[in-house]
């Protein structure tokens, strides 16, 4: 079995100085795992922890964390969403930073918690404070921790921009620069910014529309000739992986955290026959 590759630690001389971007080596960084990572792809959580540690953060995983509340929020159940938001705020507010390997969950905490709790004088300032120190993973690595190095990856990648990460958190250039720093060749797909059709409960409410959208996405992915598809959201990745597999398209599907951390020994989300898997 091939030896697991590990991400290159940033040289001391290149580490971000204390106080720059509000981040200093040794700061506590709470990992918001997300439901899909916890239940379907724990390797993304471990890769996230490794990347944050390599950037100089002290990773902690609050035991009392739950779902971010986005399913309730998107379904119009504001009461439940507020209750969940209060629980998450209480569990995470004592850390220096919060990192989320998901644009949708990160956007929920950063953008929608302040909105949900704005009329609560006790919780509004706490939600605002948590929002200010919550970051989606690649945004944290690129914009806050100033990550310059990561594990090499020799396969060509095409990158999907998730809706929440792109539109709520302005994440576009960051993942591409991090991959380029690792020497990755990126083959841009047509309409990389167009939704894959997952949309949380959208794919359940409107399955025919969702399937049409992901079919177009799968066609655009295949047209690039890229060996690997990456994104920063497990929902998008699982949706696209399922369609690629049903279409018989052998494109490896991985969360960007796994690639940057060099944790690609395990089979991808889709793209191979697990019995014949050979690590990259």
Protein backbone atom coordinates (compact mmCIF):
# COMPACT_ATOMS: atom_id res chain seq x y z
CA UNK A 1 0.00 0.00 0.00
CA UNK A 2 1.31 3.42 -0.88
CA UNK A 3 2.43 5.61 1.98
CA UNK A 4 -0.05 8.34 2.86
CA UNK A 5 1.06 11.75 1.68
CA UNK A 6 0.99 14.55 4.19
CA UNK A 7 0.62 18.25 3.71
CA UNK A 8 3.78 20.29 3.93
CA UNK A 9 3.85 22.43 7.04
CA UNK A 10 4.32 26.12 6.36
CA UNK A 11 7.89 27.17 7.15
CA UNK A 12 8.23 29.30 10.28
CA UNK A 13 9.41 32.26 8.25
CA UNK A 14 6.21 32.18 6.20
CA UNK A 15 3.83 31.87 9.14
CA UNK A 16 1.35 34.63 9.57
CA UNK A 17 2.42 37.11 12.22
CA UNK A 18 0.51 37.33 15.48
CA UNK A 19 -2.48 39.59 15.08
CA UNK A 20 -2.51 39.58 11.26
CA UNK A 21 -6.03 38.91 10.00
CA UNK A 22 -6.98 38.23 13.61
CA UNK A 23 -5.18 34.87 13.61
CA UNK A 24 -2.13 33.84 15.62
CA UNK A 25 -0.37 30.50 15.87
CA UNK A 26 -1.80 28.60 18.80
CA UNK A 27 -5.27 30.16 18.59
CA UNK A 28 -8.12 27.80 19.41
CA UNK A 29 -10.01 26.81 16.27
CA UNK A 30 -13.32 25.02 16.75
CA UNK A 31 -14.26 22.61 13.98
CA UNK A 32 -17.92 22.65 12.98
CA UNK A 33 -18.04 19.16 11.49
CA UNK A 34 -21.40 19.37 9.60
CA UNK A 35 -23.96 16.57 9.42
CA UNK A 36 -22.92 15.22 6.02
CA UNK A 37 -19.23 15.06 6.93
CA UNK A 38 -20.05 13.35 10.22
CA UNK A 39 -22.41 10.77 8.73
CA UNK A 40 -21.00 10.19 5.24
CA UNK A 41 -17.40 11.40 4.90
CA UNK A 42 -15.53 11.68 8.23
CA UNK A 43 -12.25 11.83 6.31
CA UNK A 44 -13.15 15.42 5.37
CA UNK A 45 -13.28 16.30 9.06
CA UNK A 46 -9.89 14.74 9.71
CA UNK A 47 -8.43 16.48 6.66
CA UNK A 48 -9.84 19.80 7.85
CA UNK A 49 -8.33 19.32 11.29
CA UNK A 50 -4.94 18.51 9.75
CA UNK A 51 -4.97 21.57 7.52
CA UNK A 52 -5.89 23.89 10.39
CA UNK A 53 -3.18 22.37 12.57
CA UNK A 54 -0.62 22.73 9.78
CA UNK A 55 -1.61 26.40 9.54
CA UNK A 56 -0.83 26.84 13.23
CA UNK A 57 -4.26 26.52 14.80
CA UNK A 58 -5.13 24.44 17.87
CA UNK A 59 -8.10 22.35 16.77
CA UNK A 60 -10.97 21.54 19.10
CA UNK A 61 -14.25 19.76 18.33
CA UNK A 62 -17.09 20.89 20.62
CA UNK A 63 -19.04 17.82 21.74
CA UNK A 64 -22.34 19.70 21.97
CA UNK A 65 -22.48 20.75 18.34
CA UNK A 66 -25.50 19.80 16.25
CA UNK A 67 -26.89 20.53 12.80
CA UNK A 68 -26.55 24.21 11.86
CA UNK A 69 -30.32 24.41 11.38
CA UNK A 70 -30.29 25.08 7.65
CA UNK A 71 -32.94 22.43 6.73
CA UNK A 72 -35.41 24.03 9.16
CA UNK A 73 -34.45 27.54 8.00
CA UNK A 74 -34.88 26.70 4.31
CA UNK A 75 -38.23 25.03 5.02
CA UNK A 76 -39.57 28.14 6.73
CA UNK A 77 -39.46 26.77 10.29
CA UNK A 78 -37.90 29.85 11.85
CA UNK A 79 -38.76 28.80 15.42
CA UNK A 80 -36.72 25.59 15.20
CA UNK A 81 -33.94 27.36 13.31
CA UNK A 82 -33.65 29.95 16.09
CA UNK A 83 -33.49 27.28 18.78
CA UNK A 84 -30.73 25.47 16.91
CA UNK A 85 -28.87 28.74 16.32
CA UNK A 86 -28.85 29.51 20.04
CA UNK A 87 -27.49 26.05 20.81
CA UNK A 88 -24.71 26.39 18.24
CA UNK A 89 -23.78 29.89 19.43
CA UNK A 90 -23.51 28.66 23.01
CA UNK A 91 -21.32 25.72 21.97
CA UNK A 92 -18.90 27.72 19.80
CA UNK A 93 -18.70 31.28 21.10
CA UNK A 94 -15.79 30.67 23.47
CA UNK A 95 -13.24 29.76 20.77
CA UNK A 96 -10.95 32.15 18.92
CA UNK A 97 -12.13 30.96 15.48
CA UNK A 98 -14.66 28.58 13.98
CA UNK A 99 -13.90 26.70 10.76
CA UNK A 100 -16.51 24.90 8.65
CA UNK A 101 -15.70 22.59 5.69
CA UNK A 102 -18.91 23.68 3.97
CA UNK A 103 -20.03 26.90 2.35
CA UNK A 104 -23.68 26.21 3.09
CA UNK A 105 -23.25 25.53 6.81
CA UNK A 106 -20.67 28.29 7.08
CA UNK A 107 -23.05 30.70 5.36
CA UNK A 108 -25.85 29.69 7.71
CA UNK A 109 -23.80 30.56 10.79
CA UNK A 110 -22.10 33.61 9.35
CA UNK A 111 -24.95 35.21 7.41
CA UNK A 112 -28.25 33.88 8.72
CA UNK A 113 -27.72 33.52 12.49
CA UNK A 114 -27.45 37.31 12.95
CA UNK A 115 -30.64 37.69 10.91
CA UNK A 116 -32.50 35.00 12.86
CA UNK A 117 -31.56 36.41 16.26
CA UNK A 118 -31.56 40.11 15.43
CA UNK A 119 -34.65 40.85 17.53
CA UNK A 120 -33.34 39.03 20.61
CA UNK A 121 -31.35 41.49 22.78
CA UNK A 122 -29.63 38.64 24.65
CA UNK A 123 -28.61 36.57 21.65
CA UNK A 124 -28.15 39.11 18.84
CA UNK A 125 -24.70 40.35 19.97
CA UNK A 126 -23.57 36.78 20.60
CA UNK A 127 -24.67 35.72 17.11
CA UNK A 128 -22.86 38.73 15.62
CA UNK A 129 -19.68 37.86 17.51
CA UNK A 130 -19.79 34.24 16.35
CA UNK A 131 -20.44 35.35 12.78
CA UNK A 132 -17.33 37.53 12.80
CA UNK A 133 -15.02 34.66 13.67
CA UNK A 134 -16.63 31.90 11.59
CA UNK A 135 -14.95 30.92 8.32
CA UNK A 136 -15.49 28.40 5.57
CA UNK A 137 -12.38 26.19 5.35
CA UNK A 138 -10.70 27.44 2.17
CA UNK A 139 -11.49 31.02 3.11
CA UNK A 140 -9.80 30.46 6.46
CA UNK A 141 -6.73 28.83 4.92
CA UNK A 142 -6.30 31.44 2.19
CA UNK A 143 -7.65 34.69 3.64
CA UNK A 144 -7.01 34.28 7.37
CA UNK A 145 -4.15 31.82 7.90
CA UNK A 146 -2.33 32.76 4.68
CA UNK A 147 -1.57 29.15 3.79
CA UNK A 148 1.17 28.93 1.17
CA UNK A 149 1.86 25.19 0.82
CA UNK A 150 -0.08 21.94 0.72
CA UNK A 151 0.34 18.36 -0.37
CA UNK A 152 1.12 17.79 -4.06
CA UNK A 153 -1.61 16.29 -6.24
CA UNK A 154 -0.73 15.09 -9.70
CA UNK A 155 -4.17 14.63 -11.25
CA UNK A 156 -6.06 17.30 -13.19
CA UNK A 157 -8.92 18.84 -11.22
CA UNK A 158 -12.08 20.61 -12.23
CA UNK A 159 -13.72 22.71 -9.52
CA UNK A 160 -17.43 23.29 -8.81
CA UNK A 161 -18.39 26.54 -7.09
CA UNK A 162 -21.13 25.82 -4.58
CA UNK A 163 -23.98 28.31 -4.42
CA UNK A 164 -23.66 29.25 -0.74
CA UNK A 165 -19.89 29.51 -0.77
CA UNK A 166 -19.86 31.63 -3.90
CA UNK A 167 -22.86 33.86 -3.35
CA UNK A 168 -22.93 34.22 0.43
CA UNK A 169 -19.23 34.02 1.28
CA UNK A 170 -17.51 35.24 -1.93
CA UNK A 171 -15.47 32.05 -2.31
CA UNK A 172 -14.17 31.75 -5.86
CA UNK A 173 -10.47 32.48 -6.19
CA UNK A 174 -9.38 30.94 -2.87
CA UNK A 175 -9.73 27.23 -3.68
CA UNK A 176 -8.12 27.67 -7.07
CA UNK A 177 -5.12 29.51 -5.63
CA UNK A 178 -4.66 26.87 -2.94
CA UNK A 179 -4.76 24.12 -5.56
CA UNK A 180 -2.39 26.00 -7.85
CA UNK A 181 0.03 26.41 -4.95
CA UNK A 182 0.04 22.61 -4.72
CA UNK A 183 0.98 22.40 -8.40
CA UNK A 184 -2.45 21.18 -9.49
CA UNK A 185 -3.54 21.63 -13.09
CA UNK A 186 -7.10 23.01 -13.11
CA UNK A 187 -9.43 22.38 -16.05
CA UNK A 188 -12.30 24.81 -15.69
CA UNK A 189 -15.71 23.41 -16.57
CA UNK A 190 -18.45 25.29 -18.39
CA UNK A 191 -20.83 27.00 -15.96
CA UNK A 192 -18.81 26.13 -12.87
CA UNK A 193 -20.86 28.70 -10.93
CA UNK A 194 -24.23 27.17 -11.87
CA UNK A 195 -26.05 25.16 -9.18
CA UNK A 196 -25.67 21.37 -9.36
CA UNK A 197 -29.32 20.88 -8.43
CA UNK A 198 -28.84 19.68 -4.86
CA UNK A 199 -29.98 22.74 -2.92
CA UNK A 200 -30.69 20.82 0.29
CA UNK A 201 -34.43 20.17 0.34
CA UNK A 202 -34.76 21.48 -3.25
CA UNK A 203 -33.73 18.11 -4.71
CA UNK A 204 -36.42 16.42 -2.63
CA UNK A 205 -39.19 18.88 -3.51
CA UNK A 206 -38.31 19.15 -7.20
CA UNK A 207 -36.53 15.92 -8.19
CA UNK A 208 -37.11 16.24 -11.93
CA UNK A 209 -35.69 19.75 -12.08
CA UNK A 210 -32.82 18.73 -9.84
CA UNK A 211 -31.97 15.77 -12.05
CA UNK A 212 -31.95 17.94 -15.16
CA UNK A 213 -29.58 20.37 -13.47
CA UNK A 214 -27.15 17.72 -12.25
CA UNK A 215 -27.22 16.00 -15.66
CA UNK A 216 -25.97 19.22 -17.26
CA UNK A 217 -23.35 19.54 -14.55
CA UNK A 218 -22.14 15.97 -15.11
CA UNK A 219 -21.85 16.61 -18.84
CA UNK A 220 -19.80 19.76 -18.22
CA UNK A 221 -17.53 17.91 -15.80
CA UNK A 222 -16.89 15.09 -18.26
CA UNK A 223 -16.18 17.54 -21.08
CA UNK A 224 -13.17 18.96 -19.23
CA UNK A 225 -11.33 15.63 -19.32
CA UNK A 226 -10.34 16.23 -15.70
CA UNK A 227 -9.57 13.17 -13.60
CA UNK A 228 -10.92 14.63 -10.37
CA UNK A 229 -13.88 16.80 -9.40
CA UNK A 230 -13.46 18.94 -6.29
CA UNK A 231 -15.77 21.22 -4.34
CA UNK A 232 -16.12 22.53 -0.80
CA UNK A 233 -19.59 21.20 0.04
CA UNK A 234 -20.49 17.58 0.69
CA UNK A 235 -24.09 18.07 -0.45
CA UNK A 236 -22.97 19.21 -3.90
CA UNK A 237 -20.29 16.53 -4.08
CA UNK A 238 -22.63 13.68 -3.17
CA UNK A 239 -25.23 14.88 -5.66
CA UNK A 240 -22.73 15.17 -8.50
CA UNK A 241 -20.98 11.93 -7.52
CA UNK A 242 -24.25 10.04 -7.68
CA UNK A 243 -25.04 11.33 -11.16
CA UNK A 244 -21.53 10.70 -12.47
CA UNK A 245 -21.70 7.12 -11.18
CA UNK A 246 -25.13 6.51 -12.70
CA UNK A 247 -23.83 7.82 -16.02
CA UNK A 248 -20.81 5.52 -15.82
CA UNK A 249 -18.33 8.42 -15.79
CA UNK A 250 -15.11 7.54 -13.99
CA UNK A 251 -14.31 10.91 -12.48
CA UNK A 252 -12.94 10.88 -8.94
CA UNK A 253 -14.99 13.07 -6.63
CA UNK A 254 -13.29 14.55 -3.57
CA UNK A 255 -13.70 17.34 -1.08
CA UNK A 256 -10.94 19.91 -1.53
CA UNK A 257 -9.84 19.37 2.09
CA UNK A 258 -8.80 15.79 1.29
CA UNK A 259 -6.71 16.93 -1.67
CA UNK A 260 -4.99 19.81 0.11
CA UNK A 261 -4.22 17.65 3.15
CA UNK A 262 -2.79 14.83 1.04
CA UNK A 263 -5.39 12.42 2.39
CA UNK A 264 -6.26 10.67 -0.86
CA UNK A 265 -5.42 7.07 0.02
CA UNK A 266 -9.06 6.32 0.77
CA UNK A 267 -11.47 5.73 -2.14
CA UNK A 268 -13.10 8.89 -3.50
CA UNK A 269 -16.79 9.63 -3.05
CA UNK A 270 -17.30 8.29 -6.58
CA UNK A 271 -15.25 7.47 -9.64
CA UNK A 272 -13.80 4.05 -8.95
CA UNK A 273 -14.66 0.47 -8.17
CA UNK A 274 -13.72 0.27 -4.49
CA UNK A 275 -12.51 -3.33 -4.81
CA UNK A 276 -9.91 -2.28 -7.35
CA UNK A 277 -9.00 1.05 -5.77
CA UNK A 278 -5.37 2.05 -5.83
CA UNK A 279 -4.38 5.19 -3.87
CA UNK A 280 -3.19 8.16 -5.90
